Structure formats: C-alpha cells, structure tokens
Amino acid sequence: MNALKTLTATGPDWILGTTAEGQLISYNISGAGSWKRYQLRDSTWQIFDHLLSPGGGVYYGHHRDNSMRHYLDINPCDGRNDDLTGQGTVDADGWIQTLLSAQPATVT
C-alpha cells in the first residue's frame, strides 16, 4: 500500500489523501481498528502538495506552481469516484502559503 503524502478530514469519520504515485484515497474510520479504504482515482493527483476540504464534498488541491484547483464530490461518503468532478482552477498562481487548512463541515 502506498503511503499518503497529503491528508485532510472531509467530515465526521472520513479522511482523504493523495499518494506520491497520484492516487486519491478516501478512508471511512468507524472506530479504533475499524476502517475502510476507497481508491477514488488511480493517478494524476501526485501534482498536489497540499489537499484540504471544508466538507460538503468540496476538495481543494494546491499545486507546486502555486495554483489552487477545486473539485466536487457529490456524495463524499459513498466511496465511489463517478460523482467526483473538477470544478476548475480557483487561482492560477496566487496561492503561495506554505500551510493551508479548512474546518470540516463548514460547507453544506
């Protein structure tokens, strides 16, 4: 299994991360030692050095070129990838922060 290079909480009992190989992985954690892994994408997510989510299926990926990309997962708790779509670039090169965060469940 590939190690996660980015990690964000997407809502209660859910986390999302990317691997250096480009996979987008979601985990449902229902308790100590009880979790389920969902591979949402097989590739292309290696371009992000930060990943964050304010909840509601909204994901933001920060690229090394300082751009910010926006994604929407219609049902972030189904473990499926057929409802995950790119929503475009938020900003092409203006995100120079070294740390980005969001509070889950602030988007509905």
PDB file of N, CA and C in Angstrom:
ATOM      1  N   MET A   1       0.849  -1.175   0.000  1.00  0.00           N
ATOM      2  CA  MET A   1       0.000   0.000   0.000  1.00  0.00           C
ATOM      3  C   MET A   1       0.896   1.241   0.000  1.00  0.00           C
ATOM      4  N   ASN A   2       0.523   2.230  -0.770  1.00  0.00           N
ATOM      5  CA  ASN A   2       1.291   3.467  -0.860  1.00  0.00           C
ATOM      6  C   ASN A   2       0.983   4.383   0.311  1.00  0.00           C
ATOM      7  N   ALA A   3       2.016   5.060   0.802  1.00  0.00           N
ATOM      8  CA  ALA A   3       1.846   6.000   1.905  1.00  0.00           C
ATOM      9  C   ALA A   3       1.213   7.290   1.400  1.00  0.00           C
ATOM     10  N   LEU A   4       0.421   7.918   2.250  1.00  0.00           N
ATOM     11  CA  LEU A   4      -0.198   9.190   1.898  1.00  0.00           C
ATOM     12  C   LEU A   4       0.812  10.320   2.039  1.00  0.00           C
ATOM     13  N   LYS A   5       0.818  11.234   1.073  1.00  0.00           N
ATOM     14  CA  LYS A   5       1.696  12.407   1.154  1.00  0.00           C
ATOM     15  C   LYS A   5       0.898  13.650   1.525  1.00  0.00           C
ATOM     16  N   THR A   6      -0.421  13.627   1.330  1.00  0.00           N
ATOM     17  CA  THR A   6      -1.307  14.697   1.795  1.00  0.00           C
ATOM     18  C   THR A   6      -2.445  14.050   2.550  1.00  0.00           C
ATOM     19  N   LEU A   7      -3.076  14.828   3.428  1.00  0.00           N
ATOM     20  CA  LEU A   7      -4.166  14.290   4.238  1.00  0.00           C
ATOM     21  C   LEU A   7      -5.074  15.420   4.679  1.00  0.00           C
ATOM     22  N   THR A   8      -6.384  15.193   4.605  1.00  0.00           N
ATOM     23  CA  THR A   8      -7.360  16.156   5.082  1.00  0.00           C
ATOM     24  C   THR A   8      -8.568  15.415   5.632  1.00  0.00           C
ATOM     25  N   ALA A   9      -9.244  16.022   6.576  1.00  0.00           N
ATOM     26  CA  ALA A   9     -10.524  15.494   7.052  1.00  0.00           C
ATOM     27  C   ALA A   9     -11.614  16.059   6.149  1.00  0.00           C
ATOM     28  N   THR A  10     -12.538  15.205   5.729  1.00  0.00           N
ATOM     29  CA  THR A  10     -13.612  15.652   4.843  1.00  0.00           C
ATOM     30  C   THR A  10     -14.956  15.719   5.549  1.00  0.00           C
ATOM     31  N   GLY A  11     -15.038  15.149   6.722  1.00  0.00           N
ATOM     32  CA  GLY A  11     -16.268  15.150   7.512  1.00  0.00           C
ATOM     33  C   GLY A  11     -16.136  14.138   8.630  1.00  0.00           C
ATOM     34  N   PRO A  12     -17.188  13.972   9.431  1.00  0.00           N
ATOM     35  CA  PRO A  12     -17.129  13.010  10.533  1.00  0.00           C
ATOM     36  C   PRO A  12     -16.803  11.604  10.030  1.00  0.00           C
ATOM     37  N   ASP A  13     -15.753  11.023  10.569  1.00  0.00           N
ATOM     38  CA  ASP A  13     -15.328   9.652  10.279  1.00  0.00           C
ATOM     39  C   ASP A  13     -14.720   9.460   8.891  1.00  0.00           C
ATOM     40  N   TRP A  14     -14.387  10.544   8.169  1.00  0.00           N
ATOM     41  CA  TRP A  14     -13.825  10.430   6.820  1.00  0.00           C
ATOM     42  C   TRP A  14     -12.561  11.271   6.679  1.00  0.00           C
ATOM     43  N   ILE A  15     -11.543  10.676   6.026  1.00  0.00           N
ATOM     44  CA  ILE A  15     -10.347  11.415   5.654  1.00  0.00           C
ATOM     45  C   ILE A  15     -10.066  11.144   4.174  1.00  0.00           C
ATOM     46  N   LEU A  16      -9.264  12.019   3.583  1.00  0.00           N
ATOM     47  CA  LEU A  16      -8.928  11.945   2.168  1.00  0.00           C
ATOM     48  C   LEU A  16      -7.451  12.263   2.031  1.00  0.00           C
ATOM     49  N   GLY A  17      -6.773  11.565   1.148  1.00  0.00           N
ATOM     50  CA  GLY A  17      -5.357  11.833   0.944  1.00  0.00           C
ATOM     51  C   GLY A  17      -4.903  11.458  -0.448  1.00  0.00           C
ATOM     52  N   THR A  18      -3.685  11.883  -0.767  1.00  0.00           N
ATOM     53  CA  THR A  18      -3.068  11.541  -2.038  1.00  0.00           C
ATOM     54  C   THR A  18      -1.756  10.817  -1.775  1.00  0.00           C
ATOM     55  N   THR A  19      -1.333  10.042  -2.767  1.00  0.00           N
ATOM     56  CA  THR A  19      -0.048   9.358  -2.695  1.00  0.00           C
ATOM     57  C   THR A  19       0.916  10.000  -3.686  1.00  0.00           C
ATOM     58  N   ALA A  20       2.200   9.746  -3.516  1.00  0.00           N
ATOM     59  CA  ALA A  20       3.209  10.260  -4.451  1.00  0.00           C
ATOM     60  C   ALA A  20       3.008   9.682  -5.849  1.00  0.00           C
ATOM     61  N   GLU A  21       2.355   8.529  -5.931  1.00  0.00           N
ATOM     62  CA  GLU A  21       2.095   7.889  -7.219  1.00  0.00           C
ATOM     63  C   GLU A  21       0.869   8.478  -7.912  1.00  0.00           C
ATOM     64  N   GLY A  22       0.121   9.350  -7.224  1.00  0.00           N
ATOM     65  CA  GLY A  22      -1.006  10.027  -7.849  1.00  0.00           C
ATOM     66  C   GLY A  22      -2.383   9.512  -7.487  1.00  0.00           C
ATOM     67  N   GLN A  23      -2.453   8.555  -6.588  1.00  0.00           N
ATOM     68  CA  GLN A  23      -3.756   8.034  -6.187  1.00  0.00           C
ATOM     69  C   GLN A  23      -4.474   9.005  -5.253  1.00  0.00           C
ATOM     70  N   LEU A  24      -5.794   9.058  -5.359  1.00  0.00           N
ATOM     71  CA  LEU A  24      -6.653   9.790  -4.424  1.00  0.00           C
ATOM     72  C   LEU A  24      -7.390   8.735  -3.612  1.00  0.00           C
ATOM     73  N   ILE A  25      -7.161   8.742  -2.299  1.00  0.00           N
ATOM     74  CA  ILE A  25      -7.670   7.701  -1.415  1.00  0.00           C
ATOM     75  C   ILE A  25      -8.577   8.326  -0.354  1.00  0.00           C
ATOM     76  N   SER A  26      -9.724   7.689  -0.119  1.00  0.00           N
ATOM     77  CA  SER A  26     -10.645   8.104   0.929  1.00  0.00           C
ATOM     78  C   SER A  26     -10.752   6.969   1.942  1.00  0.00           C
ATOM     79  N   TYR A  27     -10.850   7.331   3.209  1.00  0.00           N
ATOM     80  CA  TYR A  27     -10.996   6.337   4.264  1.00  0.00           C
ATOM     81  C   TYR A  27     -12.203   6.693   5.125  1.00  0.00           C
ATOM     82  N   ASN A  28     -13.010   5.673   5.417  1.00  0.00           N
ATOM     83  CA  ASN A  28     -14.070   5.796   6.410  1.00  0.00           C
ATOM     84  C   ASN A  28     -13.571   5.100   7.660  1.00  0.00           C
ATOM     85  N   ILE A  29     -13.477   5.847   8.757  1.00  0.00           N
ATOM     86  CA  ILE A  29     -12.953   5.306  10.010  1.00  0.00           C
ATOM     87  C   ILE A  29     -14.096   5.285  11.022  1.00  0.00           C
ATOM     88  N   SER A  30     -14.541   4.081  11.363  1.00  0.00           N
ATOM     89  CA  SER A  30     -15.699   3.974  12.240  1.00  0.00           C
ATOM     90  C   SER A  30     -15.333   3.665  13.685  1.00  0.00           C
ATOM     91  N   GLY A  31     -14.049   3.548  13.974  1.00  0.00           N
ATOM     92  CA  GLY A  31     -13.615   3.297  15.347  1.00  0.00           C
ATOM     93  C   GLY A  31     -12.185   2.770  15.342  1.00  0.00           C
ATOM     94  N   ALA A  32     -11.658   2.541  16.515  1.00  0.00           N
ATOM     95  CA  ALA A  32     -10.293   2.042  16.639  1.00  0.00           C
ATOM     96  C   ALA A  32     -10.158   0.705  15.917  1.00  0.00           C
ATOM     97  N   GLY A  33      -9.243   0.639  14.964  1.00  0.00           N
ATOM     98  CA  GLY A  33      -9.015  -0.581  14.215  1.00  0.00           C
ATOM     99  C   GLY A  33     -10.094  -0.917  13.198  1.00  0.00           C
ATOM    100  N   SER A  34     -11.038  -0.020  12.984  1.00  0.00           N
ATOM    101  CA  SER A  34     -12.131  -0.279  12.053  1.00  0.00           C
ATOM    102  C   SER A  34     -12.190   0.817  10.998  1.00  0.00           C
ATOM    103  N   TRP A  35     -11.701   0.502   9.793  1.00  0.00           N
ATOM    104  CA  TRP A  35     -11.687   1.485   8.717  1.00  0.00           C
ATOM    105  C   TRP A  35     -11.833   0.780   7.380  1.00  0.00           C
ATOM    106  N   LYS A  36     -12.268   1.534   6.384  1.00  0.00           N
ATOM    107  CA  LYS A  36     -12.401   1.010   5.030  1.00  0.00           C
ATOM    108  C   LYS A  36     -11.763   1.991   4.058  1.00  0.00           C
ATOM    109  N   ARG A  37     -10.983   1.468   3.117  1.00  0.00           N
ATOM    110  CA  ARG A  37     -10.234   2.260   2.142  1.00  0.00           C
ATOM    111  C   ARG A  37     -10.975   2.268   0.808  1.00  0.00           C
ATOM    112  N   TYR A  38     -11.049   3.449   0.196  1.00  0.00           N
ATOM    113  CA  TYR A  38     -11.649   3.606  -1.125  1.00  0.00           C
ATOM    114  C   TYR A  38     -10.656   4.332  -2.024  1.00  0.00           C
ATOM    115  N   GLN A  39     -10.327   3.744  -3.159  1.00  0.00           N
ATOM    116  CA  GLN A  39      -9.442   4.393  -4.111  1.00  0.00           C
ATOM    117  C   GLN A  39     -10.299   5.133  -5.129  1.00  0.00           C
ATOM    118  N   LEU A  40     -10.318   6.469  -5.009  1.00  0.00           N
ATOM    119  CA  LEU A  40     -11.173   7.282  -5.870  1.00  0.00           C
ATOM    120  C   LEU A  40     -10.541   7.565  -7.228  1.00  0.00           C
ATOM    121  N   ARG A  41      -9.233   7.689  -7.283  1.00  0.00           N
ATOM    122  CA  ARG A  41      -8.515   7.912  -8.536  1.00  0.00           C
ATOM    123  C   ARG A  41      -7.227   7.103  -8.510  1.00  0.00           C
ATOM    124  N   ASP A  42      -6.841   6.570  -9.676  1.00  0.00           N
ATOM    125  CA  ASP A  42      -5.622   5.768  -9.782  1.00  0.00           C
ATOM    126  C   ASP A  42      -4.383   6.615 -10.039  1.00  0.00           C
ATOM    127  N   SER A  43      -4.573   7.805 -10.626  1.00  0.00           N
ATOM    128  CA  SER A  43      -3.422   8.624 -10.997  1.00  0.00           C
ATOM    129  C   SER A  43      -3.816  10.093 -11.104  1.00  0.00           C
ATOM    130  N   THR A  44      -2.858  10.918 -11.383  1.00  0.00           N
ATOM    131  CA  THR A  44      -2.914  12.371 -11.644  1.00  0.00           C
ATOM    132  C   THR A  44      -2.918  13.239 -10.390  1.00  0.00           C
ATOM    133  N   TRP A  45      -3.157  12.716  -9.224  1.00  0.00           N
ATOM    134  CA  TRP A  45      -3.213  13.551  -8.022  1.00  0.00           C
ATOM    135  C   TRP A  45      -1.847  13.793  -7.402  1.00  0.00           C
ATOM    136  N   GLN A  46      -0.779  13.258  -7.983  1.00  0.00           N
ATOM    137  CA  GLN A  46       0.583  13.489  -7.476  1.00  0.00           C
ATOM    138  C   GLN A  46       1.006  14.940  -7.657  1.00  0.00           C
ATOM    139  N   ILE A  47       0.296  15.704  -8.468  1.00  0.00           N
ATOM    140  CA  ILE A  47       0.666  17.105  -8.717  1.00  0.00           C
ATOM    141  C   ILE A  47       0.397  18.002  -7.513  1.00  0.00           C
ATOM    142  N   PHE A  48      -0.373  17.516  -6.544  1.00  0.00           N
ATOM    143  CA  PHE A  48      -0.730  18.357  -5.400  1.00  0.00           C
ATOM    144  C   PHE A  48       0.216  18.149  -4.229  1.00  0.00           C
ATOM    145  N   ASP A  49       0.639  19.276  -3.634  1.00  0.00           N
ATOM    146  CA  ASP A  49       1.464  19.192  -2.433  1.00  0.00           C
ATOM    147  C   ASP A  49       0.660  19.479  -1.172  1.00  0.00           C
ATOM    148  N   HIS A  50      -0.568  19.960  -1.313  1.00  0.00           N
ATOM    149  CA  HIS A  50      -1.496  20.141  -0.201  1.00  0.00           C
ATOM    150  C   HIS A  50      -2.888  19.766  -0.676  1.00  0.00           C
ATOM    151  N   LEU A  51      -3.679  19.222   0.226  1.00  0.00           N
ATOM    152  CA  LEU A  51      -5.063  18.876  -0.042  1.00  0.00           C
ATOM    153  C   LEU A  51      -5.880  19.336   1.148  1.00  0.00           C
ATOM    154  N   LEU A  52      -7.003  19.989   0.906  1.00  0.00           N
ATOM    155  CA  LEU A  52      -7.846  20.406   2.012  1.00  0.00           C
ATOM    156  C   LEU A  52      -9.307  20.341   1.622  1.00  0.00           C
ATOM    157  N   SER A  53     -10.163  20.242   2.647  1.00  0.00           N
ATOM    158  CA  SER A  53     -11.600  20.160   2.426  1.00  0.00           C
ATOM    159  C   SER A  53     -12.330  20.868   3.559  1.00  0.00           C
ATOM    160  N   PRO A  54     -13.277  21.748   3.213  1.00  0.00           N
ATOM    161  CA  PRO A  54     -14.137  22.342   4.231  1.00  0.00           C
ATOM    162  C   PRO A  54     -15.401  21.511   4.444  1.00  0.00           C
ATOM    163  N   GLY A  55     -15.458  20.319   3.854  1.00  0.00           N
ATOM    164  CA  GLY A  55     -16.620  19.449   3.963  1.00  0.00           C
ATOM    165  C   GLY A  55     -17.557  19.618   2.784  1.00  0.00           C
ATOM    166  N   GLY A  56     -18.691  18.970   2.862  1.00  0.00           N
ATOM    167  CA  GLY A  56     -19.690  19.081   1.819  1.00  0.00           C
ATOM    168  C   GLY A  56     -19.254  18.540   0.471  1.00  0.00           C
ATOM    169  N   GLY A  57     -18.222  17.691   0.440  1.00  0.00           N
ATOM    170  CA  GLY A  57     -17.727  17.144  -0.815  1.00  0.00           C
ATOM    171  C   GLY A  57     -16.853  18.096  -1.608  1.00  0.00           C
ATOM    172  N   VAL A  58     -16.475  19.207  -1.007  1.00  0.00           N
ATOM    173  CA  VAL A  58     -15.618  20.195  -1.668  1.00  0.00           C
ATOM    174  C   VAL A  58     -14.165  19.885  -1.308  1.00  0.00           C
ATOM    175  N   TYR A  59     -13.316  19.746  -2.332  1.00  0.00           N
ATOM    176  CA  TYR A  59     -11.895  19.489  -2.144  1.00  0.00           C
ATOM    177  C   TYR A  59     -11.099  20.543  -2.894  1.00  0.00           C
ATOM    178  N   TYR A  60      -9.984  20.953  -2.299  1.00  0.00           N
ATOM    179  CA  TYR A  60      -9.057  21.876  -2.949  1.00  0.00           C
ATOM    180  C   TYR A  60      -7.682  21.236  -2.976  1.00  0.00           C
ATOM    181  N   GLY A  61      -7.038  21.297  -4.124  1.00  0.00           N
ATOM    182  CA  GLY A  61      -5.681  20.797  -4.267  1.00  0.00           C
ATOM    183  C   GLY A  61      -4.745  21.939  -4.617  1.00  0.00           C
ATOM    184  N   HIS A  62      -3.673  22.067  -3.849  1.00  0.00           N
ATOM    185  CA  HIS A  62      -2.656  23.093  -4.090  1.00  0.00           C
ATOM    186  C   HIS A  62      -1.525  22.474  -4.886  1.00  0.00           C
ATOM    187  N   HIS A  63      -1.247  23.041  -6.037  1.00  0.00           N
ATOM    188  CA  HIS A  63      -0.186  22.565  -6.930  1.00  0.00           C
ATOM    189  C   HIS A  63       1.118  23.279  -6.595  1.00  0.00           C
ATOM    190  N   ARG A  64       2.236  22.638  -6.872  1.00  0.00           N
ATOM    191  CA  ARG A  64       3.557  23.234  -6.617  1.00  0.00           C
ATOM    192  C   ARG A  64       3.773  24.544  -7.371  1.00  0.00           C
ATOM    193  N   ASP A  65       3.025  24.776  -8.451  1.00  0.00           N
ATOM    194  CA  ASP A  65       3.159  26.024  -9.208  1.00  0.00           C
ATOM    195  C   ASP A  65       2.348  27.162  -8.578  1.00  0.00           C
ATOM    196  N   ASN A  66       1.832  26.928  -7.364  1.00  0.00           N
ATOM    197  CA  ASN A  66       1.034  27.886  -6.578  1.00  0.00           C
ATOM    198  C   ASN A  66      -0.366  28.113  -7.123  1.00  0.00           C
ATOM    199  N   SER A  67      -0.859  27.199  -7.941  1.00  0.00           N
ATOM    200  CA  SER A  67      -2.263  27.267  -8.350  1.00  0.00           C
ATOM    201  C   SER A  67      -3.107  26.463  -7.367  1.00  0.00           C
ATOM    202  N   MET A  68      -4.393  26.772  -7.331  1.00  0.00           N
ATOM    203  CA  MET A  68      -5.337  26.058  -6.475  1.00  0.00           C
ATOM    204  C   MET A  68      -6.456  25.520  -7.358  1.00  0.00           C
ATOM    205  N   ARG A  69      -6.700  24.207  -7.285  1.00  0.00           N
ATOM    206  CA  ARG A  69      -7.747  23.559  -8.072  1.00  0.00           C
ATOM    207  C   ARG A  69      -8.900  23.161  -7.165  1.00  0.00           C
ATOM    208  N   HIS A  70     -10.108  23.189  -7.707  1.00  0.00           N
ATOM    209  CA  HIS A  70     -11.338  22.932  -6.965  1.00  0.00           C
ATOM    210  C   HIS A  70     -12.019  21.681  -7.525  1.00  0.00           C
ATOM    211  N   TYR A  71     -12.482  20.801  -6.641  1.00  0.00           N
ATOM    212  CA  TYR A  71     -13.174  19.569  -7.018  1.00  0.00           C
ATOM    213  C   TYR A  71     -14.440  19.429  -6.189  1.00  0.00           C
ATOM    214  N   LEU A  72     -15.416  18.729  -6.740  1.00  0.00           N
ATOM    215  CA  LEU A  72     -16.670  18.485  -6.040  1.00  0.00           C
ATOM    216  C   LEU A  72     -16.999  16.998  -6.108  1.00  0.00           C
ATOM    217  N   ASP A  73     -17.222  16.416  -4.942  1.00  0.00           N
ATOM    218  CA  ASP A  73     -17.656  15.031  -4.815  1.00  0.00           C
ATOM    219  C   ASP A  73     -19.109  15.089  -4.339  1.00  0.00           C
ATOM    220  N   ILE A  74     -20.037  14.791  -5.220  1.00  0.00           N
ATOM    221  CA  ILE A  74     -21.464  14.933  -4.913  1.00  0.00           C
ATOM    222  C   ILE A  74     -21.852  14.163  -3.654  1.00  0.00           C
ATOM    223  N   ASN A  75     -21.348  12.945  -3.504  1.00  0.00           N
ATOM    224  CA  ASN A  75     -21.610  12.160  -2.310  1.00  0.00           C
ATOM    225  C   ASN A  75     -20.280  11.675  -1.754  1.00  0.00           C
ATOM    226  N   PRO A  76     -19.640  12.464  -0.896  1.00  0.00           N
ATOM    227  CA  PRO A  76     -18.296  12.119  -0.420  1.00  0.00           C
ATOM    228  C   PRO A  76     -18.258  10.911   0.517  1.00  0.00           C
ATOM    229  N   CYS A  77     -19.398  10.401   0.899  1.00  0.00           N
ATOM    230  CA  CYS A  77     -19.441   9.269   1.841  1.00  0.00           C
ATOM    231  C   CYS A  77     -19.869   7.965   1.178  1.00  0.00           C
ATOM    232  N   ASP A  78     -19.805   7.904  -0.167  1.00  0.00           N
ATOM    233  CA  ASP A  78     -20.200   6.665  -0.838  1.00  0.00           C
ATOM    234  C   ASP A  78     -19.009   5.826  -1.294  1.00  0.00           C
ATOM    235  N   GLY A  79     -17.786   6.370  -1.213  1.00  0.00           N
ATOM    236  CA  GLY A  79     -16.601   5.619  -1.610  1.00  0.00           C
ATOM    237  C   GLY A  79     -16.492   5.396  -3.107  1.00  0.00           C
ATOM    238  N   ARG A  80     -17.270   6.117  -3.895  1.00  0.00           N
ATOM    239  CA  ARG A  80     -17.266   5.956  -5.348  1.00  0.00           C
ATOM    240  C   ARG A  80     -16.621   7.169  -6.006  1.00  0.00           C
ATOM    241  N   ASN A  81     -16.141   6.966  -7.237  1.00  0.00           N
ATOM    242  CA  ASN A  81     -15.468   8.057  -7.930  1.00  0.00           C
ATOM    243  C   ASN A  81     -16.276   8.623  -9.095  1.00  0.00           C
ATOM    244  N   ASP A  82     -17.432   8.064  -9.381  1.00  0.00           N
ATOM    245  CA  ASP A  82     -18.190   8.503 -10.552  1.00  0.00           C
ATOM    246  C   ASP A  82     -18.915   9.830 -10.356  1.00  0.00           C
ATOM    247  N   ASP A  83     -18.877  10.361  -9.148  1.00  0.00           N
ATOM    248  CA  ASP A  83     -19.522  11.655  -8.885  1.00  0.00           C
ATOM    249  C   ASP A  83     -18.508  12.717  -8.451  1.00  0.00           C
ATOM    250  N   LEU A  84     -17.233  12.478  -8.724  1.00  0.00           N
ATOM    251  CA  LEU A  84     -16.152  13.416  -8.397  1.00  0.00           C
ATOM    252  C   LEU A  84     -15.732  14.139  -9.675  1.00  0.00           C
ATOM    253  N   THR A  85     -15.889  15.455  -9.686  1.00  0.00           N
ATOM    254  CA  THR A  85     -15.576  16.224 -10.893  1.00  0.00           C
ATOM    255  C   THR A  85     -14.726  17.441 -10.575  1.00  0.00           C
ATOM    256  N   GLY A  86     -13.894  17.797 -11.521  1.00  0.00           N
ATOM    257  CA  GLY A  86     -13.107  19.019 -11.411  1.00  0.00           C
ATOM    258  C   GLY A  86     -13.995  20.226 -11.655  1.00  0.00           C
ATOM    259  N   GLN A  87     -13.804  21.257 -10.852  1.00  0.00           N
ATOM    260  CA  GLN A  87     -14.592  22.474 -10.961  1.00  0.00           C
ATOM    261  C   GLN A  87     -13.767  23.646 -11.474  1.00  0.00           C
ATOM    262  N   GLY A  88     -12.541  23.358 -11.880  1.00  0.00           N
ATOM    263  CA  GLY A  88     -11.693  24.398 -12.448  1.00  0.00           C
ATOM    264  C   GLY A  88     -10.625  24.890 -11.490  1.00  0.00           C
ATOM    265  N   THR A  89      -9.909  25.883 -11.952  1.00  0.00           N
ATOM    266  CA  THR A  89      -8.830  26.488 -11.182  1.00  0.00           C
ATOM    267  C   THR A  89      -9.355  27.694 -10.425  1.00  0.00           C
ATOM    268  N   VAL A  90      -9.126  27.719  -9.128  1.00  0.00           N
ATOM    269  CA  VAL A  90      -9.536  28.854  -8.294  1.00  0.00           C
ATOM    270  C   VAL A  90      -8.649  30.055  -8.601  1.00  0.00           C
ATOM    271  N   ASP A  91      -7.343  29.807  -8.664  1.00  0.00           N
ATOM    272  CA  ASP A  91      -6.362  30.845  -8.944  1.00  0.00           C
ATOM    273  C   ASP A  91      -5.169  30.176  -9.618  1.00  0.00           C
ATOM    274  N   ALA A  92      -4.688  30.742 -10.689  1.00  0.00           N
ATOM    275  CA  ALA A  92      -3.629  30.113 -11.481  1.00  0.00           C
ATOM    276  C   ALA A  92      -2.254  30.151 -10.830  1.00  0.00           C
ATOM    277  N   ASP A  93      -1.974  31.150  -9.974  1.00  0.00           N
ATOM    278  CA  ASP A  93      -0.636  31.202  -9.388  1.00  0.00           C
ATOM    279  C   ASP A  93      -0.528  32.038  -8.122  1.00  0.00           C
ATOM    280  N   GLY A  94      -1.627  32.356  -7.482  1.00  0.00           N
ATOM    281  CA  GLY A  94      -1.585  33.262  -6.343  1.00  0.00           C
ATOM    282  C   GLY A  94      -1.566  32.631  -4.974  1.00  0.00           C
ATOM    283  N   TRP A  95      -1.506  31.302  -4.877  1.00  0.00           N
ATOM    284  CA  TRP A  95      -1.547  30.637  -3.570  1.00  0.00           C
ATOM    285  C   TRP A  95      -0.135  30.281  -3.135  1.00  0.00           C
ATOM    286  N   ILE A  96       0.526  31.203  -2.420  1.00  0.00           N
ATOM    287  CA  ILE A  96       1.919  30.991  -2.029  1.00  0.00           C
ATOM    288  C   ILE A  96       2.070  30.581  -0.565  1.00  0.00           C
ATOM    289  N   GLN A  97       0.960  30.360   0.126  1.00  0.00           N
ATOM    290  CA  GLN A  97       1.022  29.965   1.528  1.00  0.00           C
ATOM    291  C   GLN A  97       1.731  28.614   1.653  1.00  0.00           C
ATOM    292  N   THR A  98       2.414  28.429   2.760  1.00  0.00           N
ATOM    293  CA  THR A  98       3.111  27.170   2.979  1.00  0.00           C
ATOM    294  C   THR A  98       2.263  26.172   3.752  1.00  0.00           C
ATOM    295  N   LEU A  99       1.158  26.619   4.340  1.00  0.00           N
ATOM    296  CA  LEU A  99       0.269  25.719   5.069  1.00  0.00           C
ATOM    297  C   LEU A  99      -1.160  26.170   4.816  1.00  0.00           C
ATOM    298  N   LEU A 100      -1.999  25.242   4.438  1.00  0.00           N
ATOM    299  CA  LEU A 100      -3.394  25.522   4.172  1.00  0.00           C
ATOM    300  C   LEU A 100      -4.252  24.592   5.007  1.00  0.00           C
ATOM    301  N   SER A 101      -5.352  25.097   5.538  1.00  0.00           N
ATOM    302  CA  SER A 101      -6.247  24.255   6.320  1.00  0.00           C
ATOM    303  C   SER A 101      -7.686  24.728   6.160  1.00  0.00           C
ATOM    304  N   ALA A 102      -8.597  23.864   6.503  1.00  0.00           N
ATOM    305  CA  ALA A 102     -10.023  24.189   6.473  1.00  0.00           C
ATOM    306  C   ALA A 102     -10.694  23.405   7.579  1.00  0.00           C
ATOM    307  N   GLN A 103     -11.777  23.901   8.089  1.00  0.00           N
ATOM    308  CA  GLN A 103     -12.536  23.205   9.114  1.00  0.00           C
ATOM    309  C   GLN A 103     -13.642  22.399   8.445  1.00  0.00           C
ATOM    310  N   PRO A 104     -13.649  21.074   8.637  1.00  0.00           N
ATOM    311  CA  PRO A 104     -14.701  20.260   8.028  1.00  0.00           C
ATOM    312  C   PRO A 104     -16.092  20.705   8.484  1.00  0.00           C
ATOM    313  N   ALA A 105     -17.049  20.462   7.621  1.00  0.00           N
ATOM    314  CA  ALA A 105     -18.466  20.749   7.868  1.00  0.00           C
ATOM    315  C   ALA A 105     -18.763  22.229   7.854  1.00  0.00           C
ATOM    316  N   THR A 106     -17.915  23.027   7.202  1.00  0.00           N
ATOM    317  CA  THR A 106     -18.219  24.453   7.073  1.00  0.00           C
ATOM    318  C   THR A 106     -18.861  24.759   5.732  1.00  0.00           C
ATOM    319  N   VAL A 107     -18.978  23.748   4.877  1.00  0.00           N
ATOM    320  CA  VAL A 107     -19.675  23.873   3.591  1.00  0.00           C
ATOM    321  C   VAL A 107     -20.800  22.847   3.596  1.00  0.00           C
ATOM    322  N   THR A 108     -21.977  23.266   3.170  1.00  0.00           N
ATOM    323  CA  THR A 108     -23.081  22.312   3.083  1.00  0.00           C
ATOM    324  C   THR A 108     -23.695  22.338   1.724  1.00  0.00           C
TER     325      THR A 108
END
